[in-house]
Amino acid sequence: MLDLAEVSFASSVGLSWFVYLGKALSEQGRALALARPNRVLDRTLRVVGIDDVIPIFRTVAEAQSWVAGHQRG
């Protein structure tokens, strides 16, 4: 789970890193969720389709709960 509360901007490299990290964790039976992006970052993540592969949550607790339920082993 990545808490994005202090992140104000993500370049294309940063966005690609989120996808890379999500895929790498998935291959290990683990899960990634993003939490608390600001309004601009949230919109950016959704416009480019990150939310199609990595869920985005308003709170850390929601993200942690989702991750806990989506990890194997």
C-alpha atoms as a PDB file:
ATOM      1  CA  MET A   1       0.000   0.000   0.000  1.00  0.00           C
ATOM      2  CA  LEU A   2       1.350   3.389  -0.969  1.00  0.00           C
ATOM      3  CA  ASP A   3       0.121   6.428   0.934  1.00  0.00           C
ATOM      4  CA  LEU A   4       0.180   9.277  -1.589  1.00  0.00           C
ATOM      5  CA  ALA A   5      -0.943  12.016   0.795  1.00  0.00           C
ATOM      6  CA  GLU A   6       2.347  13.901   0.465  1.00  0.00           C
ATOM      7  CA  VAL A   7       2.691  13.374  -3.305  1.00  0.00           C
ATOM      8  CA  SER A   8       1.651  16.430  -5.298  1.00  0.00           C
ATOM      9  CA  PHE A   9       2.706  15.287  -8.779  1.00  0.00           C
ATOM     10  CA  ALA A  10       3.633  12.094 -10.622  1.00  0.00           C
ATOM     11  CA  SER A  11       5.439  12.214 -13.955  1.00  0.00           C
ATOM     12  CA  SER A  12       5.022   9.537 -16.593  1.00  0.00           C
ATOM     13  CA  VAL A  13       8.006   7.788 -15.012  1.00  0.00           C
ATOM     14  CA  GLY A  14       6.267   7.768 -11.627  1.00  0.00           C
ATOM     15  CA  LEU A  15       3.033   6.491 -13.136  1.00  0.00           C
ATOM     16  CA  SER A  16       4.946   3.739 -14.932  1.00  0.00           C
ATOM     17  CA  TRP A  17       6.638   2.842 -11.651  1.00  0.00           C
ATOM     18  CA  PHE A  18       3.245   2.334  -9.968  1.00  0.00           C
ATOM     19  CA  VAL A  19       2.251  -0.105 -12.723  1.00  0.00           C
ATOM     20  CA  TYR A  20       5.629  -1.885 -12.619  1.00  0.00           C
ATOM     21  CA  LEU A  21       5.448  -2.236  -8.834  1.00  0.00           C
ATOM     22  CA  GLY A  22       1.864  -3.502  -8.985  1.00  0.00           C
ATOM     23  CA  LYS A  23       2.780  -6.170 -11.540  1.00  0.00           C
ATOM     24  CA  ALA A  24       5.924  -7.216  -9.666  1.00  0.00           C
ATOM     25  CA  LEU A  25       3.999  -7.604  -6.415  1.00  0.00           C
ATOM     26  CA  SER A  26       1.212  -9.503  -8.178  1.00  0.00           C
ATOM     27  CA  GLU A  27       3.733 -12.006  -9.574  1.00  0.00           C
ATOM     28  CA  GLN A  28       4.801 -12.670  -5.961  1.00  0.00           C
ATOM     29  CA  GLY A  29       1.218 -13.202  -4.807  1.00  0.00           C
ATOM     30  CA  ARG A  30       1.097  -9.793  -3.178  1.00  0.00           C
ATOM     31  CA  ALA A  31      -1.090  -6.779  -3.891  1.00  0.00           C
ATOM     32  CA  LEU A  32      -0.695  -3.029  -4.258  1.00  0.00           C
ATOM     33  CA  ALA A  33      -3.221  -0.316  -3.511  1.00  0.00           C
ATOM     34  CA  LEU A  34      -2.858   3.455  -3.603  1.00  0.00           C
ATOM     35  CA  ALA A  35      -4.248   5.618  -0.814  1.00  0.00           C
ATOM     36  CA  ARG A  36      -5.033   9.288  -0.251  1.00  0.00           C
ATOM     37  CA  PRO A  37      -3.970  10.917  -3.536  1.00  0.00           C
ATOM     38  CA  ASN A  38      -4.817  14.609  -3.702  1.00  0.00           C
ATOM     39  CA  ARG A  39      -7.574  15.665  -6.083  1.00  0.00           C
ATOM     40  CA  VAL A  40      -5.266  16.467  -9.014  1.00  0.00           C
ATOM     41  CA  LEU A  41      -3.228  13.277  -8.675  1.00  0.00           C
ATOM     42  CA  ASP A  42      -6.384  11.198  -8.245  1.00  0.00           C
ATOM     43  CA  ARG A  43      -7.778  12.606 -11.476  1.00  0.00           C
ATOM     44  CA  THR A  44      -4.492  11.973 -13.298  1.00  0.00           C
ATOM     45  CA  LEU A  45      -4.339   8.369 -12.060  1.00  0.00           C
ATOM     46  CA  ARG A  46      -7.896   7.746 -13.242  1.00  0.00           C
ATOM     47  CA  VAL A  47      -7.539   9.520 -16.600  1.00  0.00           C
ATOM     48  CA  VAL A  48      -4.505   7.418 -17.556  1.00  0.00           C
ATOM     49  CA  GLY A  49      -6.216   4.234 -16.363  1.00  0.00           C
ATOM     50  CA  ILE A  50      -4.053   3.333 -13.369  1.00  0.00           C
ATOM     51  CA  ASP A  51      -7.250   2.572 -11.451  1.00  0.00           C
ATOM     52  CA  ASP A  52      -7.951  -0.220 -13.965  1.00  0.00           C
ATOM     53  CA  VAL A  53      -4.925  -2.150 -12.650  1.00  0.00           C
ATOM     54  CA  ILE A  54      -4.323  -0.725  -9.151  1.00  0.00           C
ATOM     55  CA  PRO A  55      -7.187   0.254  -6.851  1.00  0.00           C
ATOM     56  CA  ILE A  56      -7.226   3.750  -5.376  1.00  0.00           C
ATOM     57  CA  PHE A  57      -8.699   4.444  -1.948  1.00  0.00           C
ATOM     58  CA  ARG A  58      -9.541   7.584   0.012  1.00  0.00           C
ATOM     59  CA  THR A  59      -8.112   6.245   3.265  1.00  0.00           C
ATOM     60  CA  VAL A  60      -5.094   4.219   4.343  1.00  0.00           C
ATOM     61  CA  ALA A  61      -7.364   1.881   6.316  1.00  0.00           C
ATOM     62  CA  GLU A  62      -9.449   1.047   3.226  1.00  0.00           C
ATOM     63  CA  ALA A  63      -6.303   0.399   1.174  1.00  0.00           C
ATOM     64  CA  GLN A  64      -4.742  -1.773   3.881  1.00  0.00           C
ATOM     65  CA  SER A  65      -7.932  -3.779   4.222  1.00  0.00           C
ATOM     66  CA  TRP A  66      -8.111  -4.361   0.466  1.00  0.00           C
ATOM     67  CA  VAL A  67      -4.452  -5.416   0.293  1.00  0.00           C
ATOM     68  CA  ALA A  68      -4.873  -7.816   3.219  1.00  0.00           C
ATOM     69  CA  GLY A  69      -7.754  -9.508   1.415  1.00  0.00           C
ATOM     70  CA  HIS A  70      -5.982  -9.803  -1.937  1.00  0.00           C
ATOM     71  CA  GLN A  71      -2.661 -11.370  -1.045  1.00  0.00           C
ATOM     72  CA  ARG A  72      -2.001 -15.081  -1.486  1.00  0.00           C
ATOM     73  CA  GLY A  73      -0.427 -17.174   1.207  1.00  0.00           C
END
